[in-house]
């Protein structure tokens, strides 16, 4: 699919470098809901065809630790290869705050912390917007201080083509069928790396593989710290980078 975009003359841009009204711009975004080897494989493939993506990490994930050595190694690897980093935000984090000032203070803290762990942020996106809905108070125009670009701002959704593979389902049909009729129109393409694999397997099998590998990783961690458990052969680095 990405090779088709390249063949049609598209070039990838980040949210911060996007130029309105210019044709043949592709914003290639990955929201990292859960993390495995798939992201490393996909971004390597992108680099080989001359594309750079924007990778949005959760700071509050329940299934990966942004501060672990393995994830930090992956982040450094992405930057060295020319990919961009951003923040994936769970809007429910801000629901307890009743005042606008409290919300803004908490958001500013989150951005500052993300800049420490991820480096300069290109942009941010919302986690599960189709279910939770994006919090309008979290859009850039509502802040009294400068924030990165928001992937759900009108200029990146309504003023250009926007396509997503949410839950491995293309809401407007497979983008592969659309490419030939785009006529150079710029677009934002959201791909969740965790839903795709080199092998032809369905999303349920893909998810099962992820869960089983994650369980092996937990057992490996326990075995490393508890001498009475049998040694496991998988490491965090294997899980995230390979």
C-alpha atoms as a PDB file:
ATOM      1  CA  UNK A   1       0.000   0.000   0.000  1.00  0.00           C
ATOM      2  CA  UNK A   2       2.702   2.514   0.984  1.00  0.00           C
ATOM      3  CA  UNK A   3       4.646   1.678  -2.169  1.00  0.00           C
ATOM      4  CA  UNK A   4       1.552   2.673  -4.149  1.00  0.00           C
ATOM      5  CA  UNK A   5       1.611   6.095  -2.495  1.00  0.00           C
ATOM      6  CA  UNK A   6       5.283   6.442  -3.387  1.00  0.00           C
ATOM      7  CA  UNK A   7       4.587   5.368  -6.969  1.00  0.00           C
ATOM      8  CA  UNK A   8       1.860   8.035  -7.210  1.00  0.00           C
ATOM      9  CA  UNK A   9       4.364  10.714  -6.164  1.00  0.00           C
ATOM     10  CA  UNK A  10       3.454  11.190  -2.504  1.00  0.00           C
ATOM     11  CA  UNK A  11       5.966  12.289   0.130  1.00  0.00           C
ATOM     12  CA  UNK A  12       5.504  12.000   3.869  1.00  0.00           C
ATOM     13  CA  UNK A  13       5.393  15.114   6.033  1.00  0.00           C
ATOM     14  CA  UNK A  14       4.932  15.650   9.748  1.00  0.00           C
ATOM     15  CA  UNK A  15       2.046  17.595  11.260  1.00  0.00           C
ATOM     16  CA  UNK A  16       4.414  20.458  12.018  1.00  0.00           C
ATOM     17  CA  UNK A  17       5.809  20.607   8.464  1.00  0.00           C
ATOM     18  CA  UNK A  18       2.497  20.177   6.600  1.00  0.00           C
ATOM     19  CA  UNK A  19       1.804  22.977   4.111  1.00  0.00           C
ATOM     20  CA  UNK A  20      -1.902  23.711   3.510  1.00  0.00           C
ATOM     21  CA  UNK A  21      -3.137  23.462  -0.085  1.00  0.00           C
ATOM     22  CA  UNK A  22       0.038  21.718  -1.271  1.00  0.00           C
ATOM     23  CA  UNK A  23      -0.641  18.416  -3.105  1.00  0.00           C
ATOM     24  CA  UNK A  24       0.924  14.979  -2.661  1.00  0.00           C
ATOM     25  CA  UNK A  25       1.506  15.277   1.087  1.00  0.00           C
ATOM     26  CA  UNK A  26       1.010  12.147   3.195  1.00  0.00           C
ATOM     27  CA  UNK A  27       0.840  12.396   6.981  1.00  0.00           C
ATOM     28  CA  UNK A  28       1.551   8.826   8.074  1.00  0.00           C
ATOM     29  CA  UNK A  29       0.526   8.404  11.706  1.00  0.00           C
ATOM     30  CA  UNK A  30       0.802   5.501  14.131  1.00  0.00           C
ATOM     31  CA  UNK A  31      -1.091   5.588  17.439  1.00  0.00           C
ATOM     32  CA  UNK A  32       0.578   3.113  19.769  1.00  0.00           C
ATOM     33  CA  UNK A  33      -2.248   1.676  21.878  1.00  0.00           C
ATOM     34  CA  UNK A  34      -0.171  -1.386  22.682  1.00  0.00           C
ATOM     35  CA  UNK A  35       3.365  -2.084  21.646  1.00  0.00           C
ATOM     36  CA  UNK A  36       5.147  -5.047  20.084  1.00  0.00           C
ATOM     37  CA  UNK A  37       7.619  -5.937  17.352  1.00  0.00           C
ATOM     38  CA  UNK A  38       5.153  -4.837  14.633  1.00  0.00           C
ATOM     39  CA  UNK A  39       5.979  -1.141  15.010  1.00  0.00           C
ATOM     40  CA  UNK A  40       9.700  -1.691  14.539  1.00  0.00           C
ATOM     41  CA  UNK A  41       9.085  -3.850  11.451  1.00  0.00           C
ATOM     42  CA  UNK A  42       6.634  -1.363   9.919  1.00  0.00           C
ATOM     43  CA  UNK A  43       8.806   1.714  10.468  1.00  0.00           C
ATOM     44  CA  UNK A  44      11.811  -0.098   8.978  1.00  0.00           C
ATOM     45  CA  UNK A  45       9.723  -0.864   5.881  1.00  0.00           C
ATOM     46  CA  UNK A  46       8.686   2.790   5.673  1.00  0.00           C
ATOM     47  CA  UNK A  47      12.283   3.940   5.830  1.00  0.00           C
ATOM     48  CA  UNK A  48      13.264   1.596   2.985  1.00  0.00           C
ATOM     49  CA  UNK A  49      10.798   3.300   0.633  1.00  0.00           C
ATOM     50  CA  UNK A  50      11.769   6.775   1.833  1.00  0.00           C
ATOM     51  CA  UNK A  51       8.845   7.461   4.164  1.00  0.00           C
ATOM     52  CA  UNK A  52       8.866   8.813   7.720  1.00  0.00           C
ATOM     53  CA  UNK A  53       5.947   8.363  10.098  1.00  0.00           C
ATOM     54  CA  UNK A  54       4.694  10.145  13.206  1.00  0.00           C
ATOM     55  CA  UNK A  55       4.494   7.779  16.178  1.00  0.00           C
ATOM     56  CA  UNK A  56       2.210   8.761  19.058  1.00  0.00           C
ATOM     57  CA  UNK A  57       3.065   7.064  22.365  1.00  0.00           C
ATOM     58  CA  UNK A  58       0.867   6.823  25.453  1.00  0.00           C
ATOM     59  CA  UNK A  59       2.478   8.147  28.621  1.00  0.00           C
ATOM     60  CA  UNK A  60      -0.164   6.345  30.683  1.00  0.00           C
ATOM     61  CA  UNK A  61      -0.300   2.928  29.023  1.00  0.00           C
ATOM     62  CA  UNK A  62      -1.304  -0.077  31.113  1.00  0.00           C
ATOM     63  CA  UNK A  63       0.601  -2.480  28.827  1.00  0.00           C
ATOM     64  CA  UNK A  64       3.949  -0.826  28.097  1.00  0.00           C
ATOM     65  CA  UNK A  65       6.333   1.311  30.129  1.00  0.00           C
ATOM     66  CA  UNK A  66       7.534   4.425  28.310  1.00  0.00           C
ATOM     67  CA  UNK A  67      10.497   4.615  30.711  1.00  0.00           C
ATOM     68  CA  UNK A  68      11.746   1.039  30.281  1.00  0.00           C
ATOM     69  CA  UNK A  69      15.165   0.597  28.701  1.00  0.00           C
ATOM     70  CA  UNK A  70      13.686  -1.384  25.802  1.00  0.00           C
ATOM     71  CA  UNK A  71      11.052   1.227  24.925  1.00  0.00           C
ATOM     72  CA  UNK A  72      13.577   4.056  25.283  1.00  0.00           C
ATOM     73  CA  UNK A  73      15.868   2.133  22.935  1.00  0.00           C
ATOM     74  CA  UNK A  74      13.013   1.871  20.413  1.00  0.00           C
ATOM     75  CA  UNK A  75      12.260   5.594  20.725  1.00  0.00           C
ATOM     76  CA  UNK A  76      15.911   6.491  20.107  1.00  0.00           C
ATOM     77  CA  UNK A  77      15.963   4.128  17.135  1.00  0.00           C
ATOM     78  CA  UNK A  78      12.902   5.772  15.595  1.00  0.00           C
ATOM     79  CA  UNK A  79      14.408   9.237  15.937  1.00  0.00           C
ATOM     80  CA  UNK A  80      17.739   8.174  14.446  1.00  0.00           C
ATOM     81  CA  UNK A  81      15.895   6.768  11.426  1.00  0.00           C
ATOM     82  CA  UNK A  82      14.139  10.088  10.822  1.00  0.00           C
ATOM     83  CA  UNK A  83      10.703   9.243  12.204  1.00  0.00           C
ATOM     84  CA  UNK A  84       8.774  11.754  14.307  1.00  0.00           C
ATOM     85  CA  UNK A  85       7.375  11.315  17.804  1.00  0.00           C
ATOM     86  CA  UNK A  86       4.213  12.586  19.380  1.00  0.00           C
ATOM     87  CA  UNK A  87       1.869  12.044  22.296  1.00  0.00           C
ATOM     88  CA  UNK A  88      -1.201   9.793  22.394  1.00  0.00           C
ATOM     89  CA  UNK A  89      -3.583  11.151  25.026  1.00  0.00           C
ATOM     90  CA  UNK A  90      -6.358   9.395  26.913  1.00  0.00           C
ATOM     91  CA  UNK A  91      -9.023  12.134  27.322  1.00  0.00           C
ATOM     92  CA  UNK A  92     -10.491  10.391  30.387  1.00  0.00           C
ATOM     93  CA  UNK A  93      -7.408  11.523  32.325  1.00  0.00           C
ATOM     94  CA  UNK A  94      -8.834  15.023  32.312  1.00  0.00           C
ATOM     95  CA  UNK A  95     -12.428  14.239  33.278  1.00  0.00           C
ATOM     96  CA  UNK A  96     -11.847  14.752  37.044  1.00  0.00           C
ATOM     97  CA  UNK A  97     -10.876  18.382  36.512  1.00  0.00           C
ATOM     98  CA  UNK A  98     -13.828  20.713  36.918  1.00  0.00           C
ATOM     99  CA  UNK A  99     -12.170  24.011  36.062  1.00  0.00           C
ATOM    100  CA  UNK A 100     -10.511  25.057  32.827  1.00  0.00           C
ATOM    101  CA  UNK A 101      -7.423  26.185  34.726  1.00  0.00           C
ATOM    102  CA  UNK A 102      -6.984  22.783  36.390  1.00  0.00           C
ATOM    103  CA  UNK A 103      -7.303  21.050  33.023  1.00  0.00           C
ATOM    104  CA  UNK A 104      -4.782  23.386  31.410  1.00  0.00           C
ATOM    105  CA  UNK A 105      -2.298  22.907  34.248  1.00  0.00           C
ATOM    106  CA  UNK A 106      -2.538  19.131  34.021  1.00  0.00           C
ATOM    107  CA  UNK A 107      -2.231  19.177  30.235  1.00  0.00           C
ATOM    108  CA  UNK A 108       0.830  21.408  30.441  1.00  0.00           C
ATOM    109  CA  UNK A 109       2.413  19.004  32.934  1.00  0.00           C
ATOM    110  CA  UNK A 110       1.721  16.077  30.615  1.00  0.00           C
ATOM    111  CA  UNK A 111       3.266  17.869  27.626  1.00  0.00           C
ATOM    112  CA  UNK A 112       6.349  18.812  29.648  1.00  0.00           C
ATOM    113  CA  UNK A 113       6.848  15.236  30.851  1.00  0.00           C
ATOM    114  CA  UNK A 114       6.318  13.862  27.331  1.00  0.00           C
ATOM    115  CA  UNK A 115       8.967  16.232  25.999  1.00  0.00           C
ATOM    116  CA  UNK A 116      11.414  14.742  28.492  1.00  0.00           C
ATOM    117  CA  UNK A 117      10.714  11.123  27.546  1.00  0.00           C
ATOM    118  CA  UNK A 118      10.014  11.523  23.834  1.00  0.00           C
ATOM    119  CA  UNK A 119      12.007  14.604  22.919  1.00  0.00           C
ATOM    120  CA  UNK A 120      10.431  17.539  21.050  1.00  0.00           C
ATOM    121  CA  UNK A 121       6.841  16.580  20.231  1.00  0.00           C
ATOM    122  CA  UNK A 122       5.604  16.908  16.672  1.00  0.00           C
ATOM    123  CA  UNK A 123       1.926  16.510  17.555  1.00  0.00           C
ATOM    124  CA  UNK A 124      -0.651  14.749  19.707  1.00  0.00           C
ATOM    125  CA  UNK A 125      -3.754  12.628  19.184  1.00  0.00           C
ATOM    126  CA  UNK A 126      -6.591  11.225  21.290  1.00  0.00           C
ATOM    127  CA  UNK A 127      -7.046   7.636  22.420  1.00  0.00           C
ATOM    128  CA  UNK A 128     -10.348   5.986  21.369  1.00  0.00           C
ATOM    129  CA  UNK A 129     -11.978   9.170  20.011  1.00  0.00           C
ATOM    130  CA  UNK A 130     -14.740   7.224  18.249  1.00  0.00           C
ATOM    131  CA  UNK A 131     -15.920   5.853  21.611  1.00  0.00           C
ATOM    132  CA  UNK A 132     -14.959   8.518  24.135  1.00  0.00           C
ATOM    133  CA  UNK A 133     -15.058  11.459  21.759  1.00  0.00           C
ATOM    134  CA  UNK A 134     -12.320  14.091  21.543  1.00  0.00           C
ATOM    135  CA  UNK A 135     -12.381  16.618  24.370  1.00  0.00           C
ATOM    136  CA  UNK A 136     -12.780  19.992  22.658  1.00  0.00           C
ATOM    137  CA  UNK A 137     -11.096  21.654  25.625  1.00  0.00           C
ATOM    138  CA  UNK A 138      -7.904  19.809  24.638  1.00  0.00           C
ATOM    139  CA  UNK A 139      -7.579  21.411  21.197  1.00  0.00           C
ATOM    140  CA  UNK A 140      -4.670  23.861  20.686  1.00  0.00           C
ATOM    141  CA  UNK A 141      -6.821  26.967  20.250  1.00  0.00           C
ATOM    142  CA  UNK A 142      -8.169  26.582  23.797  1.00  0.00           C
ATOM    143  CA  UNK A 143      -4.816  26.811  25.561  1.00  0.00           C
ATOM    144  CA  UNK A 144      -3.154  29.952  26.843  1.00  0.00           C
ATOM    145  CA  UNK A 145       0.278  28.493  26.043  1.00  0.00           C
ATOM    146  CA  UNK A 146       1.837  26.944  22.950  1.00  0.00           C
ATOM    147  CA  UNK A 147       1.143  23.253  22.359  1.00  0.00           C
ATOM    148  CA  UNK A 148       2.026  20.864  19.503  1.00  0.00           C
ATOM    149  CA  UNK A 149      -0.284  20.316  16.543  1.00  0.00           C
ATOM    150  CA  UNK A 150      -3.386  18.220  17.200  1.00  0.00           C
ATOM    151  CA  UNK A 151      -4.058  15.381  14.749  1.00  0.00           C
ATOM    152  CA  UNK A 152      -7.814  15.985  15.045  1.00  0.00           C
ATOM    153  CA  UNK A 153      -7.758  19.691  14.245  1.00  0.00           C
ATOM    154  CA  UNK A 154      -9.866  20.646  11.231  1.00  0.00           C
ATOM    155  CA  UNK A 155      -6.827  21.292   9.022  1.00  0.00           C
ATOM    156  CA  UNK A 156      -5.842  17.614   9.366  1.00  0.00           C
ATOM    157  CA  UNK A 157      -9.302  16.051   9.163  1.00  0.00           C
ATOM    158  CA  UNK A 158     -11.877  18.260   7.421  1.00  0.00           C
ATOM    159  CA  UNK A 159      -9.523  20.202   5.149  1.00  0.00           C
ATOM    160  CA  UNK A 160      -7.836  17.058   3.858  1.00  0.00           C
ATOM    161  CA  UNK A 161      -8.651  13.388   3.393  1.00  0.00           C
ATOM    162  CA  UNK A 162      -8.539  11.406   6.646  1.00  0.00           C
ATOM    163  CA  UNK A 163      -8.454   7.612   6.766  1.00  0.00           C
ATOM    164  CA  UNK A 164      -8.047   5.234   9.721  1.00  0.00           C
ATOM    165  CA  UNK A 165      -7.730   1.470  10.199  1.00  0.00           C
ATOM    166  CA  UNK A 166      -9.374   1.546  13.643  1.00  0.00           C
ATOM    167  CA  UNK A 167      -9.661  -2.037  14.970  1.00  0.00           C
ATOM    168  CA  UNK A 168      -8.209  -3.096  11.596  1.00  0.00           C
ATOM    169  CA  UNK A 169     -11.334  -1.852   9.832  1.00  0.00           C
ATOM    170  CA  UNK A 170     -11.043   0.806   7.122  1.00  0.00           C
ATOM    171  CA  UNK A 171     -14.127   2.929   7.760  1.00  0.00           C
ATOM    172  CA  UNK A 172     -14.334   4.057   4.120  1.00  0.00           C
ATOM    173  CA  UNK A 173     -13.200   0.811   2.526  1.00  0.00           C
ATOM    174  CA  UNK A 174      -9.602  -0.262   1.980  1.00  0.00           C
ATOM    175  CA  UNK A 175      -7.381   2.709   1.192  1.00  0.00           C
ATOM    176  CA  UNK A 176      -5.657   0.556  -1.436  1.00  0.00           C
ATOM    177  CA  UNK A 177      -8.712   0.974  -3.645  1.00  0.00           C
ATOM    178  CA  UNK A 178      -8.775   4.755  -3.181  1.00  0.00           C
ATOM    179  CA  UNK A 179      -5.165   5.554  -4.019  1.00  0.00           C
ATOM    180  CA  UNK A 180      -5.631   5.570  -7.788  1.00  0.00           C
ATOM    181  CA  UNK A 181      -8.398   8.198  -7.535  1.00  0.00           C
ATOM    182  CA  UNK A 182      -6.787  10.593  -5.041  1.00  0.00           C
ATOM    183  CA  UNK A 183      -5.385  12.834  -7.792  1.00  0.00           C
ATOM    184  CA  UNK A 184      -2.624  14.128  -5.537  1.00  0.00           C
ATOM    185  CA  UNK A 185      -4.925  15.281  -2.743  1.00  0.00           C
ATOM    186  CA  UNK A 186      -3.097  15.365   0.567  1.00  0.00           C
ATOM    187  CA  UNK A 187      -4.237  13.048   3.311  1.00  0.00           C
ATOM    188  CA  UNK A 188      -3.690  11.861   6.852  1.00  0.00           C
ATOM    189  CA  UNK A 189      -3.417   8.089   7.151  1.00  0.00           C
ATOM    190  CA  UNK A 190      -3.674   6.451  10.584  1.00  0.00           C
ATOM    191  CA  UNK A 191      -2.279   2.926  10.796  1.00  0.00           C
ATOM    192  CA  UNK A 192      -2.178   0.992  14.076  1.00  0.00           C
ATOM    193  CA  UNK A 193       0.921  -1.168  13.705  1.00  0.00           C
ATOM    194  CA  UNK A 194      -0.296  -3.631  16.327  1.00  0.00           C
ATOM    195  CA  UNK A 195      -3.129  -4.812  14.047  1.00  0.00           C
ATOM    196  CA  UNK A 196      -0.895  -5.879  11.170  1.00  0.00           C
ATOM    197  CA  UNK A 197       1.615  -8.651  10.675  1.00  0.00           C
ATOM    198  CA  UNK A 198       3.964  -9.885   7.970  1.00  0.00           C
ATOM    199  CA  UNK A 199       1.945 -13.104   7.861  1.00  0.00           C
ATOM    200  CA  UNK A 200      -1.615 -13.206   6.543  1.00  0.00           C
ATOM    201  CA  UNK A 201      -3.526 -13.674   9.808  1.00  0.00           C
ATOM    202  CA  UNK A 202      -6.785 -12.151  10.986  1.00  0.00           C
ATOM    203  CA  UNK A 203      -6.975  -9.571  13.761  1.00  0.00           C
ATOM    204  CA  UNK A 204      -8.126 -12.101  16.369  1.00  0.00           C
ATOM    205  CA  UNK A 205      -5.109 -14.320  15.682  1.00  0.00           C
ATOM    206  CA  UNK A 206      -2.880 -11.261  15.708  1.00  0.00           C
ATOM    207  CA  UNK A 207      -4.219 -10.189  19.096  1.00  0.00           C
ATOM    208  CA  UNK A 208      -3.886 -13.713  20.483  1.00  0.00           C
ATOM    209  CA  UNK A 209      -0.233 -13.807  19.393  1.00  0.00           C
ATOM    210  CA  UNK A 210       0.375 -10.475  21.104  1.00  0.00           C
ATOM    211  CA  UNK A 211      -1.239 -11.614  24.367  1.00  0.00           C
ATOM    212  CA  UNK A 212       0.666 -14.920  24.405  1.00  0.00           C
ATOM    213  CA  UNK A 213       3.969 -13.160  23.742  1.00  0.00           C
ATOM    214  CA  UNK A 214       3.198 -10.622  26.450  1.00  0.00           C
ATOM    215  CA  UNK A 215       2.530 -13.452  28.908  1.00  0.00           C
ATOM    216  CA  UNK A 216       5.889 -14.997  28.019  1.00  0.00           C
ATOM    217  CA  UNK A 217       7.484 -11.614  28.632  1.00  0.00           C
ATOM    218  CA  UNK A 218       5.908 -11.386  32.091  1.00  0.00           C
ATOM    219  CA  UNK A 219       7.125 -14.904  32.907  1.00  0.00           C
ATOM    220  CA  UNK A 220      10.599 -13.919  31.724  1.00  0.00           C
ATOM    221  CA  UNK A 221      10.572 -10.886  34.003  1.00  0.00           C
ATOM    222  CA  UNK A 222       9.451 -12.990  36.972  1.00  0.00           C
ATOM    223  CA  UNK A 223      12.078 -15.667  36.248  1.00  0.00           C
ATOM    224  CA  UNK A 224      14.793 -13.015  36.125  1.00  0.00           C
ATOM    225  CA  UNK A 225      13.801 -11.750  39.567  1.00  0.00           C
ATOM    226  CA  UNK A 226      12.800 -15.052  41.197  1.00  0.00           C
ATOM    227  CA  UNK A 227      15.503 -17.715  41.131  1.00  0.00           C
ATOM    228  CA  UNK A 228      13.107 -20.617  41.777  1.00  0.00           C
ATOM    229  CA  UNK A 229      11.336 -20.063  38.430  1.00  0.00           C
ATOM    230  CA  UNK A 230      12.635 -21.643  35.177  1.00  0.00           C
ATOM    231  CA  UNK A 231      14.564 -19.325  32.866  1.00  0.00           C
ATOM    232  CA  UNK A 232      12.671 -17.834  29.917  1.00  0.00           C
ATOM    233  CA  UNK A 233      14.252 -16.967  26.576  1.00  0.00           C
ATOM    234  CA  UNK A 234      12.355 -13.804  25.609  1.00  0.00           C
ATOM    235  CA  UNK A 235      13.537 -10.299  26.471  1.00  0.00           C
ATOM    236  CA  UNK A 236      11.974  -6.842  26.318  1.00  0.00           C
ATOM    237  CA  UNK A 237      14.330  -5.915  23.504  1.00  0.00           C
ATOM    238  CA  UNK A 238      13.198  -8.971  21.495  1.00  0.00           C
ATOM    239  CA  UNK A 239       9.577  -8.034  22.131  1.00  0.00           C
ATOM    240  CA  UNK A 240       9.809  -4.412  20.994  1.00  0.00           C
ATOM    241  CA  UNK A 241      12.704  -4.313  18.535  1.00  0.00           C
ATOM    242  CA  UNK A 242      13.741  -7.848  17.544  1.00  0.00           C
END
